[in-house]
PDB file of N, CA and C in Angstrom:
ATOM      1  N   UNK A   1      59.341 -19.223 -15.729  1.00  0.00           N
ATOM      2  CA  UNK A   1      58.232 -20.134 -15.806  1.00  0.00           C
ATOM      3  C   UNK A   1      57.409 -20.144 -14.532  1.00  0.00           C
ATOM      4  N   UNK A   2      58.027 -19.884 -13.459  1.00  0.00           N
ATOM      5  CA  UNK A   2      57.305 -19.888 -12.197  1.00  0.00           C
ATOM      6  C   UNK A   2      56.263 -18.776 -12.162  1.00  0.00           C
ATOM      7  N   UNK A   3      56.518 -17.684 -12.856  1.00  0.00           N
ATOM      8  CA  UNK A   3      55.565 -16.584 -12.855  1.00  0.00           C
ATOM      9  C   UNK A   3      54.331 -16.896 -13.675  1.00  0.00           C
ATOM     10  N   UNK A   4      54.464 -17.676 -14.754  1.00  0.00           N
ATOM     11  CA  UNK A   4      53.295 -18.024 -15.561  1.00  0.00           C
ATOM     12  C   UNK A   4      52.346 -18.931 -14.787  1.00  0.00           C
ATOM     13  N   UNK A   5      52.854 -19.854 -14.017  1.00  0.00           N
ATOM     14  CA  UNK A   5      51.983 -20.753 -13.255  1.00  0.00           C
ATOM     15  C   UNK A   5      51.391 -20.039 -12.037  1.00  0.00           C
ATOM     16  N   UNK A   6      52.031 -18.998 -11.586  1.00  0.00           N
ATOM     17  CA  UNK A   6      51.517 -18.248 -10.436  1.00  0.00           C
ATOM     18  C   UNK A   6      50.366 -17.331 -10.832  1.00  0.00           C
ATOM     19  N   UNK A   7      50.317 -16.933 -12.097  1.00  0.00           N
ATOM     20  CA  UNK A   7      49.272 -16.022 -12.564  1.00  0.00           C
ATOM     21  C   UNK A   7      47.873 -16.633 -12.394  1.00  0.00           C
ATOM     22  N   UNK A   8      47.589 -17.861 -12.855  1.00  0.00           N
ATOM     23  CA  UNK A   8      46.253 -18.444 -12.642  1.00  0.00           C
ATOM     24  C   UNK A   8      45.933 -18.619 -11.159  1.00  0.00           C
ATOM     25  N   UNK A   9      46.955 -18.922 -10.385  1.00  0.00           N
ATOM     26  CA  UNK A   9      46.750 -19.096  -8.948  1.00  0.00           C
ATOM     27  C   UNK A   9      46.325 -17.773  -8.307  1.00  0.00           C
ATOM     28  N   UNK A  10      46.940 -16.674  -8.725  1.00  0.00           N
ATOM     29  CA  UNK A  10      46.557 -15.358  -8.209  1.00  0.00           C
ATOM     30  C   UNK A  10      45.133 -14.999  -8.631  1.00  0.00           C
ATOM     31  N   UNK A  11      44.785 -15.359  -9.860  1.00  0.00           N
ATOM     32  CA  UNK A  11      43.440 -15.086 -10.362  1.00  0.00           C
ATOM     33  C   UNK A  11      42.400 -15.858  -9.550  1.00  0.00           C
ATOM     34  N   UNK A  12      42.681 -17.124  -9.297  1.00  0.00           N
ATOM     35  CA  UNK A  12      41.763 -17.945  -8.497  1.00  0.00           C
ATOM     36  C   UNK A  12      41.655 -17.380  -7.083  1.00  0.00           C
ATOM     37  N   UNK A  13      42.765 -16.961  -6.516  1.00  0.00           N
ATOM     38  CA  UNK A  13      42.752 -16.390  -5.164  1.00  0.00           C
ATOM     39  C   UNK A  13      41.948 -15.090  -5.135  1.00  0.00           C
ATOM     40  N   UNK A  14      42.105 -14.266  -6.169  1.00  0.00           N
ATOM     41  CA  UNK A  14      41.352 -13.005  -6.227  1.00  0.00           C
ATOM     42  C   UNK A  14      39.855 -13.266  -6.356  1.00  0.00           C
ATOM     43  N   UNK A  15      39.482 -14.232  -7.177  1.00  0.00           N
ATOM     44  CA  UNK A  15      38.060 -14.577  -7.336  1.00  0.00           C
ATOM     45  C   UNK A  15      37.499 -15.125  -6.030  1.00  0.00           C
ATOM     46  N   UNK A  16      38.262 -15.985  -5.369  1.00  0.00           N
ATOM     47  CA  UNK A  16      37.812 -16.553  -4.096  1.00  0.00           C
ATOM     48  C   UNK A  16      37.643 -15.459  -3.045  1.00  0.00           C
ATOM     49  N   UNK A  17      38.599 -14.534  -2.992  1.00  0.00           N
ATOM     50  CA  UNK A  17      38.520 -13.451  -2.010  1.00  0.00           C
ATOM     51  C   UNK A  17      37.322 -12.555  -2.309  1.00  0.00           C
ATOM     52  N   UNK A  18      37.095 -12.264  -3.581  1.00  0.00           N
ATOM     53  CA  UNK A  18      35.935 -11.456  -3.964  1.00  0.00           C
ATOM     54  C   UNK A  18      34.635 -12.138  -3.589  1.00  0.00           C
ATOM     55  N   UNK A  19      34.574 -13.449  -3.781  1.00  0.00           N
ATOM     56  CA  UNK A  19      33.364 -14.204  -3.418  1.00  0.00           C
ATOM     57  C   UNK A  19      33.113 -14.157  -1.922  1.00  0.00           C
ATOM     58  N   UNK A  20      34.172 -14.270  -1.152  1.00  0.00           N
ATOM     59  CA  UNK A  20      34.036 -14.216   0.306  1.00  0.00           C
ATOM     60  C   UNK A  20      33.522 -12.843   0.735  1.00  0.00           C
ATOM     61  N   UNK A  21      34.082 -11.798   0.159  1.00  0.00           N
ATOM     62  CA  UNK A  21      33.654 -10.446   0.526  1.00  0.00           C
ATOM     63  C   UNK A  21      32.212 -10.181   0.121  1.00  0.00           C
ATOM     64  N   UNK A  22      31.814 -10.631  -1.042  1.00  0.00           N
ATOM     65  CA  UNK A  22      30.433 -10.441  -1.489  1.00  0.00           C
ATOM     66  C   UNK A  22      29.486 -11.271  -0.631  1.00  0.00           C
ATOM     67  N   UNK A  23      29.906 -12.451  -0.255  1.00  0.00           N
ATOM     68  CA  UNK A  23      29.075 -13.319   0.580  1.00  0.00           C
ATOM     69  C   UNK A  23      28.850 -12.753   1.967  1.00  0.00           C
ATOM     70  N   UNK A  24      29.743 -11.918   2.424  1.00  0.00           N
ATOM     71  CA  UNK A  24      29.617 -11.326   3.758  1.00  0.00           C
ATOM     72  C   UNK A  24      28.822 -10.024   3.756  1.00  0.00           C
ATOM     73  N   UNK A  25      28.451  -9.552   2.600  1.00  0.00           N
ATOM     74  CA  UNK A  25      27.706  -8.291   2.517  1.00  0.00           C
ATOM     75  C   UNK A  25      26.331  -8.457   3.153  1.00  0.00           C
ATOM     76  N   UNK A  26      25.847  -7.430   3.840  1.00  0.00           N
ATOM     77  CA  UNK A  26      24.518  -7.538   4.456  1.00  0.00           C
ATOM     78  C   UNK A  26      23.426  -7.606   3.384  1.00  0.00           C
ATOM     79  N   UNK A  27      22.349  -8.276   3.729  1.00  0.00           N
ATOM     80  CA  UNK A  27      21.216  -8.380   2.806  1.00  0.00           C
ATOM     81  C   UNK A  27      20.600  -7.000   2.613  1.00  0.00           C
ATOM     82  N   UNK A  28      20.078  -6.729   1.433  1.00  0.00           N
ATOM     83  CA  UNK A  28      19.458  -5.415   1.219  1.00  0.00           C
ATOM     84  C   UNK A  28      18.218  -5.246   2.094  1.00  0.00           C
ATOM     85  N   UNK A  29      17.973  -4.016   2.489  1.00  0.00           N
ATOM     86  CA  UNK A  29      16.808  -3.724   3.323  1.00  0.00           C
ATOM     87  C   UNK A  29      15.540  -3.930   2.498  1.00  0.00           C
ATOM     88  N   UNK A  30      14.564  -4.592   3.096  1.00  0.00           N
ATOM     89  CA  UNK A  30      13.305  -4.835   2.401  1.00  0.00           C
ATOM     90  C   UNK A  30      12.512  -3.544   2.285  1.00  0.00           C
ATOM     91  N   UNK A  31      11.762  -3.456   1.207  1.00  0.00           N
ATOM     92  CA  UNK A  31      10.981  -2.257   0.945  1.00  0.00           C
ATOM     93  C   UNK A  31       9.814  -2.126   1.927  1.00  0.00           C
ATOM     94  N   UNK A  32       9.183  -3.264   2.262  1.00  0.00           N
ATOM     95  CA  UNK A  32       8.018  -3.249   3.154  1.00  0.00           C
ATOM     96  C   UNK A  32       8.204  -4.258   4.279  1.00  0.00           C
ATOM     97  N   UNK A  33       7.509  -4.024   5.362  1.00  0.00           N
ATOM     98  CA  UNK A  33       7.524  -4.912   6.520  1.00  0.00           C
ATOM     99  C   UNK A  33       6.352  -5.892   6.383  1.00  0.00           C
ATOM    100  N   UNK A  34       6.578  -7.019   5.701  1.00  0.00           N
ATOM    101  CA  UNK A  34       5.493  -7.962   5.408  1.00  0.00           C
ATOM    102  C   UNK A  34       5.139  -8.807   6.624  1.00  0.00           C
ATOM    103  N   UNK A  35       6.108  -9.331   7.310  1.00  0.00           N
ATOM    104  CA  UNK A  35       5.974 -10.238   8.442  1.00  0.00           C
ATOM    105  C   UNK A  35       4.744 -11.136   8.350  1.00  0.00           C
ATOM    106  N   UNK A  36       3.731 -10.937   9.172  1.00  0.00           N
ATOM    107  CA  UNK A  36       2.591 -11.861   9.255  1.00  0.00           C
ATOM    108  C   UNK A  36       1.441 -11.499   8.324  1.00  0.00           C
ATOM    109  N   UNK A  37       1.583 -10.460   7.519  1.00  0.00           N
ATOM    110  CA  UNK A  37       0.465 -10.000   6.692  1.00  0.00           C
ATOM    111  C   UNK A  37      -0.022 -11.090   5.741  1.00  0.00           C
ATOM    112  N   UNK A  38       0.874 -11.741   5.023  1.00  0.00           N
ATOM    113  CA  UNK A  38       0.457 -12.768   4.072  1.00  0.00           C
ATOM    114  C   UNK A  38      -0.209 -13.943   4.778  1.00  0.00           C
ATOM    115  N   UNK A  39       0.322 -14.322   5.938  1.00  0.00           N
ATOM    116  CA  UNK A  39      -0.304 -15.406   6.706  1.00  0.00           C
ATOM    117  C   UNK A  39      -1.712 -15.022   7.143  1.00  0.00           C
ATOM    118  N   UNK A  40      -1.906 -13.767   7.524  1.00  0.00           N
ATOM    119  CA  UNK A  40      -3.229 -13.329   7.965  1.00  0.00           C
ATOM    120  C   UNK A  40      -4.214 -13.239   6.807  1.00  0.00           C
ATOM    121  N   UNK A  41      -3.737 -12.874   5.630  1.00  0.00           N
ATOM    122  CA  UNK A  41      -4.615 -12.898   4.457  1.00  0.00           C
ATOM    123  C   UNK A  41      -5.075 -14.320   4.173  1.00  0.00           C
ATOM    124  N   UNK A  42      -4.144 -15.250   4.227  1.00  0.00           N
ATOM    125  CA  UNK A  42      -4.487 -16.656   4.015  1.00  0.00           C
ATOM    126  C   UNK A  42      -5.491 -17.106   5.074  1.00  0.00           C
ATOM    127  N   UNK A  43      -5.229 -16.736   6.307  1.00  0.00           N
ATOM    128  CA  UNK A  43      -6.113 -17.108   7.419  1.00  0.00           C
ATOM    129  C   UNK A  43      -7.519 -16.547   7.212  1.00  0.00           C
ATOM    130  N   UNK A  44      -7.605 -15.335   6.716  1.00  0.00           N
ATOM    131  CA  UNK A  44      -8.904 -14.698   6.510  1.00  0.00           C
ATOM    132  C   UNK A  44      -9.742 -15.466   5.491  1.00  0.00           C
ATOM    133  N   UNK A  45      -9.110 -15.943   4.448  1.00  0.00           N
ATOM    134  CA  UNK A  45      -9.852 -16.604   3.376  1.00  0.00           C
ATOM    135  C   UNK A  45     -10.051 -18.101   3.596  1.00  0.00           C
ATOM    136  N   UNK A  46      -9.513 -18.657   4.654  1.00  0.00           N
ATOM    137  CA  UNK A  46      -9.764 -20.065   4.984  1.00  0.00           C
ATOM    138  C   UNK A  46     -11.159 -20.206   5.566  1.00  0.00           C
ATOM    139  N   UNK A  47     -11.756 -21.365   5.367  1.00  0.00           N
ATOM    140  CA  UNK A  47     -13.117 -21.601   5.873  1.00  0.00           C
ATOM    141  C   UNK A  47     -13.144 -21.623   7.405  1.00  0.00           C
ATOM    142  N   UNK A  48     -12.146 -22.215   8.010  1.00  0.00           N
ATOM    143  CA  UNK A  48     -12.114 -22.337   9.476  1.00  0.00           C
ATOM    144  C   UNK A  48     -11.150 -21.308  10.079  1.00  0.00           C
ATOM    145  N   UNK A  49     -11.274 -20.101   9.630  1.00  0.00           N
ATOM    146  CA  UNK A  49     -10.347 -19.037  10.015  1.00  0.00           C
ATOM    147  C   UNK A  49     -10.581 -18.545  11.447  1.00  0.00           C
ATOM    148  N   UNK A  50      -9.590 -17.790  11.917  1.00  0.00           N
ATOM    149  CA  UNK A  50      -9.746 -17.122  13.208  1.00  0.00           C
ATOM    150  C   UNK A  50     -10.612 -15.886  13.001  1.00  0.00           C
ATOM    151  N   UNK A  51     -11.144 -15.359  14.075  1.00  0.00           N
ATOM    152  CA  UNK A  51     -12.042 -14.214  13.986  1.00  0.00           C
ATOM    153  C   UNK A  51     -11.311 -12.918  13.678  1.00  0.00           C
ATOM    154  N   UNK A  52     -12.069 -11.886  13.306  1.00  0.00           N
ATOM    155  CA  UNK A  52     -11.444 -10.598  12.981  1.00  0.00           C
ATOM    156  C   UNK A  52     -10.734  -9.964  14.174  1.00  0.00           C
ATOM    157  N   UNK A  53     -11.210 -10.229  15.386  1.00  0.00           N
ATOM    158  CA  UNK A  53     -10.546  -9.663  16.570  1.00  0.00           C
ATOM    159  C   UNK A  53      -9.124 -10.190  16.691  1.00  0.00           C
ATOM    160  N   UNK A  54      -8.971 -11.505  16.509  1.00  0.00           N
ATOM    161  CA  UNK A  54      -7.651 -12.133  16.601  1.00  0.00           C
ATOM    162  C   UNK A  54      -6.734 -11.616  15.491  1.00  0.00           C
ATOM    163  N   UNK A  55      -7.272 -11.495  14.289  1.00  0.00           N
ATOM    164  CA  UNK A  55      -6.463 -10.986  13.179  1.00  0.00           C
ATOM    165  C   UNK A  55      -6.053  -9.537  13.423  1.00  0.00           C
ATOM    166  N   UNK A  56      -6.963  -8.734  13.955  1.00  0.00           N
ATOM    167  CA  UNK A  56      -6.620  -7.342  14.274  1.00  0.00           C
ATOM    168  C   UNK A  56      -5.528  -7.275  15.338  1.00  0.00           C
ATOM    169  N   UNK A  57      -5.580  -8.166  16.295  1.00  0.00           N
ATOM    170  CA  UNK A  57      -4.557  -8.204  17.342  1.00  0.00           C
ATOM    171  C   UNK A  57      -3.188  -8.508  16.730  1.00  0.00           C
ATOM    172  N   UNK A  58      -3.133  -9.518  15.873  1.00  0.00           N
ATOM    173  CA  UNK A  58      -1.865  -9.912  15.250  1.00  0.00           C
ATOM    174  C   UNK A  58      -1.338  -8.809  14.335  1.00  0.00           C
ATOM    175  N   UNK A  59      -2.220  -8.267  13.508  1.00  0.00           N
ATOM    176  CA  UNK A  59      -1.789  -7.218  12.580  1.00  0.00           C
ATOM    177  C   UNK A  59      -1.442  -5.925  13.314  1.00  0.00           C
ATOM    178  N   UNK A  60      -2.136  -5.649  14.422  1.00  0.00           N
ATOM    179  CA  UNK A  60      -1.796  -4.480  15.236  1.00  0.00           C
ATOM    180  C   UNK A  60      -0.390  -4.591  15.804  1.00  0.00           C
ATOM    181  N   UNK A  61      -0.015  -5.801  16.224  1.00  0.00           N
ATOM    182  CA  UNK A  61       1.349  -6.023  16.710  1.00  0.00           C
ATOM    183  C   UNK A  61       2.355  -5.805  15.585  1.00  0.00           C
ATOM    184  N   UNK A  62       1.982  -6.198  14.377  1.00  0.00           N
ATOM    185  CA  UNK A  62       2.866  -5.992  13.231  1.00  0.00           C
ATOM    186  C   UNK A  62       3.034  -4.505  12.927  1.00  0.00           C
ATOM    187  N   UNK A  63       1.965  -3.737  13.081  1.00  0.00           N
ATOM    188  CA  UNK A  63       2.050  -2.282  12.872  1.00  0.00           C
ATOM    189  C   UNK A  63       3.060  -1.688  13.847  1.00  0.00           C
ATOM    190  N   UNK A  64       2.997  -2.110  15.102  1.00  0.00           N
ATOM    191  CA  UNK A  64       3.920  -1.587  16.112  1.00  0.00           C
ATOM    192  C   UNK A  64       5.364  -1.961  15.793  1.00  0.00           C
ATOM    193  N   UNK A  65       5.596  -3.199  15.345  1.00  0.00           N
ATOM    194  CA  UNK A  65       6.956  -3.612  14.977  1.00  0.00           C
ATOM    195  C   UNK A  65       7.468  -2.784  13.806  1.00  0.00           C
ATOM    196  N   UNK A  66       6.614  -2.559  12.828  1.00  0.00           N
ATOM    197  CA  UNK A  66       7.020  -1.773  11.655  1.00  0.00           C
ATOM    198  C   UNK A  66       7.372  -0.349  12.074  1.00  0.00           C
ATOM    199  N   UNK A  67       6.574   0.232  12.944  1.00  0.00           N
ATOM    200  CA  UNK A  67       6.858   1.599  13.426  1.00  0.00           C
ATOM    201  C   UNK A  67       8.183   1.643  14.176  1.00  0.00           C
ATOM    202  N   UNK A  68       8.412   0.635  15.020  1.00  0.00           N
ATOM    203  CA  UNK A  68       9.646   0.592  15.803  1.00  0.00           C
ATOM    204  C   UNK A  68      10.872   0.481  14.901  1.00  0.00           C
ATOM    205  N   UNK A  69      10.743  -0.219  13.797  1.00  0.00           N
ATOM    206  CA  UNK A  69      11.865  -0.397  12.865  1.00  0.00           C
ATOM    207  C   UNK A  69      11.932   0.703  11.811  1.00  0.00           C
ATOM    208  N   UNK A  70      10.930   1.555  11.785  1.00  0.00           N
ATOM    209  CA  UNK A  70      10.890   2.590  10.755  1.00  0.00           C
ATOM    210  C   UNK A  70      10.610   2.011   9.382  1.00  0.00           C
ATOM    211  N   UNK A  71       9.918   0.881   9.342  1.00  0.00           N
ATOM    212  CA  UNK A  71       9.622   0.194   8.080  1.00  0.00           C
ATOM    213  C   UNK A  71       8.217   0.543   7.604  1.00  0.00           C
ATOM    214  N   UNK A  72       8.030   0.488   6.305  1.00  0.00           N
ATOM    215  CA  UNK A  72       6.725   0.789   5.710  1.00  0.00           C
ATOM    216  C   UNK A  72       5.857  -0.465   5.680  1.00  0.00           C
ATOM    217  N   UNK A  73       4.568  -0.274   5.865  1.00  0.00           N
ATOM    218  CA  UNK A  73       3.628  -1.386   5.741  1.00  0.00           C
ATOM    219  C   UNK A  73       3.394  -1.667   4.259  1.00  0.00           C
ATOM    220  N   UNK A  74       3.152  -2.928   3.908  1.00  0.00           N
ATOM    221  CA  UNK A  74       2.987  -3.270   2.490  1.00  0.00           C
ATOM    222  C   UNK A  74       1.664  -2.781   1.914  1.00  0.00           C
ATOM    223  N   UNK A  75       1.574  -2.730   0.595  1.00  0.00           N
ATOM    224  CA  UNK A  75       0.319  -2.334  -0.049  1.00  0.00           C
ATOM    225  C   UNK A  75      -0.801  -3.293   0.328  1.00  0.00           C
ATOM    226  N   UNK A  76      -1.956  -2.747   0.607  1.00  0.00           N
ATOM    227  CA  UNK A  76      -3.114  -3.559   0.949  1.00  0.00           C
ATOM    228  C   UNK A  76      -3.264  -3.842   2.432  1.00  0.00           C
ATOM    229  N   UNK A  77      -2.228  -3.594   3.210  1.00  0.00           N
ATOM    230  CA  UNK A  77      -2.266  -3.888   4.643  1.00  0.00           C
ATOM    231  C   UNK A  77      -3.374  -3.096   5.327  1.00  0.00           C
ATOM    232  N   UNK A  78      -3.387  -1.794   5.091  1.00  0.00           N
ATOM    233  CA  UNK A  78      -4.388  -0.945   5.741  1.00  0.00           C
ATOM    234  C   UNK A  78      -5.792  -1.231   5.207  1.00  0.00           C
ATOM    235  N   UNK A  79      -5.892  -1.575   3.926  1.00  0.00           N
ATOM    236  CA  UNK A  79      -7.199  -1.927   3.363  1.00  0.00           C
ATOM    237  C   UNK A  79      -7.729  -3.201   4.018  1.00  0.00           C
ATOM    238  N   UNK A  80      -6.840  -4.139   4.300  1.00  0.00           N
ATOM    239  CA  UNK A  80      -7.267  -5.363   4.988  1.00  0.00           C
ATOM    240  C   UNK A  80      -7.703  -5.038   6.415  1.00  0.00           C
ATOM    241  N   UNK A  81      -6.962  -4.166   7.080  1.00  0.00           N
ATOM    242  CA  UNK A  81      -7.383  -3.731   8.417  1.00  0.00           C
ATOM    243  C   UNK A  81      -8.772  -3.101   8.355  1.00  0.00           C
ATOM    244  N   UNK A  82      -9.010  -2.278   7.340  1.00  0.00           N
ATOM    245  CA  UNK A  82     -10.318  -1.633   7.177  1.00  0.00           C
ATOM    246  C   UNK A  82     -11.412  -2.676   7.027  1.00  0.00           C
ATOM    247  N   UNK A  83     -11.149  -3.716   6.251  1.00  0.00           N
ATOM    248  CA  UNK A  83     -12.137  -4.773   6.061  1.00  0.00           C
ATOM    249  C   UNK A  83     -12.446  -5.478   7.388  1.00  0.00           C
ATOM    250  N   UNK A  84     -11.421  -5.703   8.181  1.00  0.00           N
ATOM    251  CA  UNK A  84     -11.639  -6.339   9.485  1.00  0.00           C
ATOM    252  C   UNK A  84     -12.438  -5.419  10.407  1.00  0.00           C
ATOM    253  N   UNK A  85     -12.112  -4.127  10.405  1.00  0.00           N
ATOM    254  CA  UNK A  85     -12.866  -3.174  11.220  1.00  0.00           C
ATOM    255  C   UNK A  85     -14.333  -3.131  10.792  1.00  0.00           C
ATOM    256  N   UNK A  86     -14.577  -3.177   9.491  1.00  0.00           N
ATOM    257  CA  UNK A  86     -15.966  -3.170   9.001  1.00  0.00           C
ATOM    258  C   UNK A  86     -16.727  -4.399   9.482  1.00  0.00           C
ATOM    259  N   UNK A  87     -16.068  -5.536   9.508  1.00  0.00           N
ATOM    260  CA  UNK A  87     -16.731  -6.757   9.981  1.00  0.00           C
ATOM    261  C   UNK A  87     -17.130  -6.642  11.445  1.00  0.00           C
ATOM    262  N   UNK A  88     -16.418  -5.801  12.185  1.00  0.00           N
ATOM    263  CA  UNK A  88     -16.729  -5.603  13.603  1.00  0.00           C
ATOM    264  C   UNK A  88     -17.632  -4.398  13.833  1.00  0.00           C
ATOM    265  N   UNK A  89     -18.039  -3.730  12.749  1.00  0.00           N
ATOM    266  CA  UNK A  89     -18.910  -2.567  12.881  1.00  0.00           C
ATOM    267  C   UNK A  89     -18.191  -1.307  13.312  1.00  0.00           C
ATOM    268  N   UNK A  90     -16.886  -1.266  13.166  1.00  0.00           N
ATOM    269  CA  UNK A  90     -16.086  -0.109  13.568  1.00  0.00           C
ATOM    270  C   UNK A  90     -15.789   0.735  12.326  1.00  0.00           C
ATOM    271  N   UNK A  91     -16.839   1.369  11.813  1.00  0.00           N
ATOM    272  CA  UNK A  91     -16.760   2.093  10.542  1.00  0.00           C
ATOM    273  C   UNK A  91     -15.765   3.252  10.560  1.00  0.00           C
ATOM    274  N   UNK A  92     -15.682   3.967  11.661  1.00  0.00           N
ATOM    275  CA  UNK A  92     -14.764   5.105  11.750  1.00  0.00           C
ATOM    276  C   UNK A  92     -13.315   4.687  11.569  1.00  0.00           C
ATOM    277  N   UNK A  93     -12.938   3.603  12.234  1.00  0.00           N
ATOM    278  CA  UNK A  93     -11.565   3.111  12.107  1.00  0.00           C
ATOM    279  C   UNK A  93     -11.315   2.561  10.704  1.00  0.00           C
ATOM    280  N   UNK A  94     -12.333   1.937  10.122  1.00  0.00           N
ATOM    281  CA  UNK A  94     -12.202   1.421   8.757  1.00  0.00           C
ATOM    282  C   UNK A  94     -11.950   2.568   7.786  1.00  0.00           C
ATOM    283  N   UNK A  95     -12.686   3.647   7.958  1.00  0.00           N
ATOM    284  CA  UNK A  95     -12.517   4.805   7.079  1.00  0.00           C
ATOM    285  C   UNK A  95     -11.108   5.382   7.211  1.00  0.00           C
ATOM    286  N   UNK A  96     -10.600   5.466   8.437  1.00  0.00           N
ATOM    287  CA  UNK A  96      -9.241   5.974   8.657  1.00  0.00           C
ATOM    288  C   UNK A  96      -8.209   5.112   7.931  1.00  0.00           C
ATOM    289  N   UNK A  97      -8.388   3.799   7.996  1.00  0.00           N
ATOM    290  CA  UNK A  97      -7.430   2.893   7.350  1.00  0.00           C
ATOM    291  C   UNK A  97      -7.482   3.014   5.830  1.00  0.00           C
ATOM    292  N   UNK A  98      -8.690   3.166   5.270  1.00  0.00           N
ATOM    293  CA  UNK A  98      -8.805   3.328   3.816  1.00  0.00           C
ATOM    294  C   UNK A  98      -8.171   4.640   3.363  1.00  0.00           C
ATOM    295  N   UNK A  99      -8.360   5.687   4.153  1.00  0.00           N
ATOM    296  CA  UNK A  99      -7.731   6.974   3.832  1.00  0.00           C
ATOM    297  C   UNK A  99      -6.208   6.865   3.917  1.00  0.00           C
ATOM    298  N   UNK A 100      -5.715   6.133   4.916  1.00  0.00           N
ATOM    299  CA  UNK A 100      -4.266   5.946   5.059  1.00  0.00           C
ATOM    300  C   UNK A 100      -3.706   5.126   3.896  1.00  0.00           C
ATOM    301  N   UNK A 101      -4.450   4.117   3.455  1.00  0.00           N
ATOM    302  CA  UNK A 101      -4.015   3.314   2.301  1.00  0.00           C
ATOM    303  C   UNK A 101      -3.905   4.203   1.065  1.00  0.00           C
ATOM    304  N   UNK A 102      -4.889   5.054   0.888  1.00  0.00           N
ATOM    305  CA  UNK A 102      -4.913   5.974  -0.255  1.00  0.00           C
ATOM    306  C   UNK A 102      -3.724   6.938  -0.193  1.00  0.00           C
ATOM    307  N   UNK A 103      -3.421   7.428   0.990  1.00  0.00           N
ATOM    308  CA  UNK A 103      -2.323   8.371   1.173  1.00  0.00           C
ATOM    309  C   UNK A 103      -0.964   7.714   0.896  1.00  0.00           C
ATOM    310  N   UNK A 104      -0.787   6.499   1.387  1.00  0.00           N
ATOM    311  CA  UNK A 104       0.494   5.816   1.241  1.00  0.00           C
ATOM    312  C   UNK A 104       0.698   5.188  -0.133  1.00  0.00           C
ATOM    313  N   UNK A 105      -0.385   4.861  -0.807  1.00  0.00           N
ATOM    314  CA  UNK A 105      -0.309   4.243  -2.128  1.00  0.00           C
ATOM    315  C   UNK A 105      -1.274   4.963  -3.061  1.00  0.00           C
ATOM    316  N   UNK A 106      -0.857   6.101  -3.613  1.00  0.00           N
ATOM    317  CA  UNK A 106      -1.749   6.910  -4.450  1.00  0.00           C
ATOM    318  C   UNK A 106      -2.338   6.146  -5.636  1.00  0.00           C
ATOM    319  N   UNK A 107      -1.657   5.103  -6.088  1.00  0.00           N
ATOM    320  CA  UNK A 107      -2.197   4.331  -7.203  1.00  0.00           C
ATOM    321  C   UNK A 107      -3.480   3.586  -6.824  1.00  0.00           C
ATOM    322  N   UNK A 108      -3.756   3.490  -5.535  1.00  0.00           N
ATOM    323  CA  UNK A 108      -4.978   2.814  -5.077  1.00  0.00           C
ATOM    324  C   UNK A 108      -6.141   3.790  -4.873  1.00  0.00           C
ATOM    325  N   UNK A 109      -5.943   5.047  -5.193  1.00  0.00           N
ATOM    326  CA  UNK A 109      -6.936   6.085  -4.906  1.00  0.00           C
ATOM    327  C   UNK A 109      -8.318   5.759  -5.457  1.00  0.00           C
ATOM    328  N   UNK A 110      -8.400   5.362  -6.717  1.00  0.00           N
ATOM    329  CA  UNK A 110      -9.717   5.093  -7.305  1.00  0.00           C
ATOM    330  C   UNK A 110     -10.444   3.982  -6.554  1.00  0.00           C
ATOM    331  N   UNK A 111      -9.731   2.921  -6.249  1.00  0.00           N
ATOM    332  CA  UNK A 111     -10.376   1.806  -5.552  1.00  0.00           C
ATOM    333  C   UNK A 111     -10.743   2.192  -4.121  1.00  0.00           C
ATOM    334  N   UNK A 112      -9.863   2.906  -3.432  1.00  0.00           N
ATOM    335  CA  UNK A 112     -10.168   3.321  -2.064  1.00  0.00           C
ATOM    336  C   UNK A 112     -11.363   4.277  -2.054  1.00  0.00           C
ATOM    337  N   UNK A 113     -11.432   5.183  -3.026  1.00  0.00           N
ATOM    338  CA  UNK A 113     -12.589   6.082  -3.124  1.00  0.00           C
ATOM    339  C   UNK A 113     -13.872   5.291  -3.366  1.00  0.00           C
ATOM    340  N   UNK A 114     -13.781   4.268  -4.202  1.00  0.00           N
ATOM    341  CA  UNK A 114     -14.934   3.401  -4.460  1.00  0.00           C
ATOM    342  C   UNK A 114     -15.399   2.737  -3.161  1.00  0.00           C
ATOM    343  N   UNK A 115     -14.453   2.208  -2.390  1.00  0.00           N
ATOM    344  CA  UNK A 115     -14.809   1.559  -1.122  1.00  0.00           C
ATOM    345  C   UNK A 115     -15.380   2.562  -0.126  1.00  0.00           C
ATOM    346  N   UNK A 116     -14.777   3.739  -0.060  1.00  0.00           N
ATOM    347  CA  UNK A 116     -15.282   4.767   0.856  1.00  0.00           C
ATOM    348  C   UNK A 116     -16.692   5.194   0.469  1.00  0.00           C
ATOM    349  N   UNK A 117     -16.944   5.309  -0.810  1.00  0.00           N
ATOM    350  CA  UNK A 117     -18.278   5.690  -1.280  1.00  0.00           C
ATOM    351  C   UNK A 117     -19.293   4.600  -0.925  1.00  0.00           C
ATOM    352  N   UNK A 118     -18.894   3.355  -1.062  1.00  0.00           N
ATOM    353  CA  UNK A 118     -19.797   2.251  -0.714  1.00  0.00           C
ATOM    354  C   UNK A 118     -20.073   2.211   0.783  1.00  0.00           C
ATOM    355  N   UNK A 119     -19.099   2.635   1.575  1.00  0.00           N
ATOM    356  CA  UNK A 119     -19.300   2.666   3.031  1.00  0.00           C
ATOM    357  C   UNK A 119     -20.351   3.691   3.416  1.00  0.00           C
ATOM    358  N   UNK A 120     -20.351   4.825   2.731  1.00  0.00           N
ATOM    359  CA  UNK A 120     -21.252   5.915   3.106  1.00  0.00           C
ATOM    360  C   UNK A 120     -22.584   5.864   2.373  1.00  0.00           C
ATOM    361  N   UNK A 121     -22.690   4.995   1.367  1.00  0.00           N
ATOM    362  CA  UNK A 121     -23.950   4.890   0.613  1.00  0.00           C
ATOM    363  C   UNK A 121     -25.032   4.286   1.503  1.00  0.00           C
ATOM    364  N   UNK A 122     -26.268   4.767   1.389  1.00  0.00           N
ATOM    365  CA  UNK A 122     -27.355   4.185   2.183  1.00  0.00           C
ATOM    366  C   UNK A 122     -27.580   2.727   1.788  1.00  0.00           C
ATOM    367  N   UNK A 123     -27.771   1.913   2.790  1.00  0.00           N
ATOM    368  CA  UNK A 123     -27.992   0.483   2.545  1.00  0.00           C
ATOM    369  C   UNK A 123     -29.454   0.243   2.218  1.00  0.00           C
ATOM    370  N   UNK A 124     -29.685  -0.505   1.154  1.00  0.00           N
ATOM    371  CA  UNK A 124     -31.075  -0.783   0.747  1.00  0.00           C
ATOM    372  C   UNK A 124     -31.465  -2.200   1.074  1.00  0.00           C
TER     373      UNK A 124
END
């Protein structure tokens, strides 16, 4: 009889031990290095936002952190950088960022080509 009552106890102990081991497992690596990108998007669309120079400074620091960690930048990050560069009249850098967005996210090719075409179109 002692063995029958020990069986549920062993089962509970095994479940508890499994839970402890699973709980100690490291978190999965994130696909993209988001960090401050979402906050900067929010900041950009606020009425009393910070200027594009400040946003470029913050996002530039994020680019360096991502490179140091070997992490990928999220979709839209480079396109947002391009938009900030355009606001400052830095068309060459904006074009580079749009091309990089297209290269890293081929599904954005049509939209990036549209933006690049609009950049080079004569202004009326």
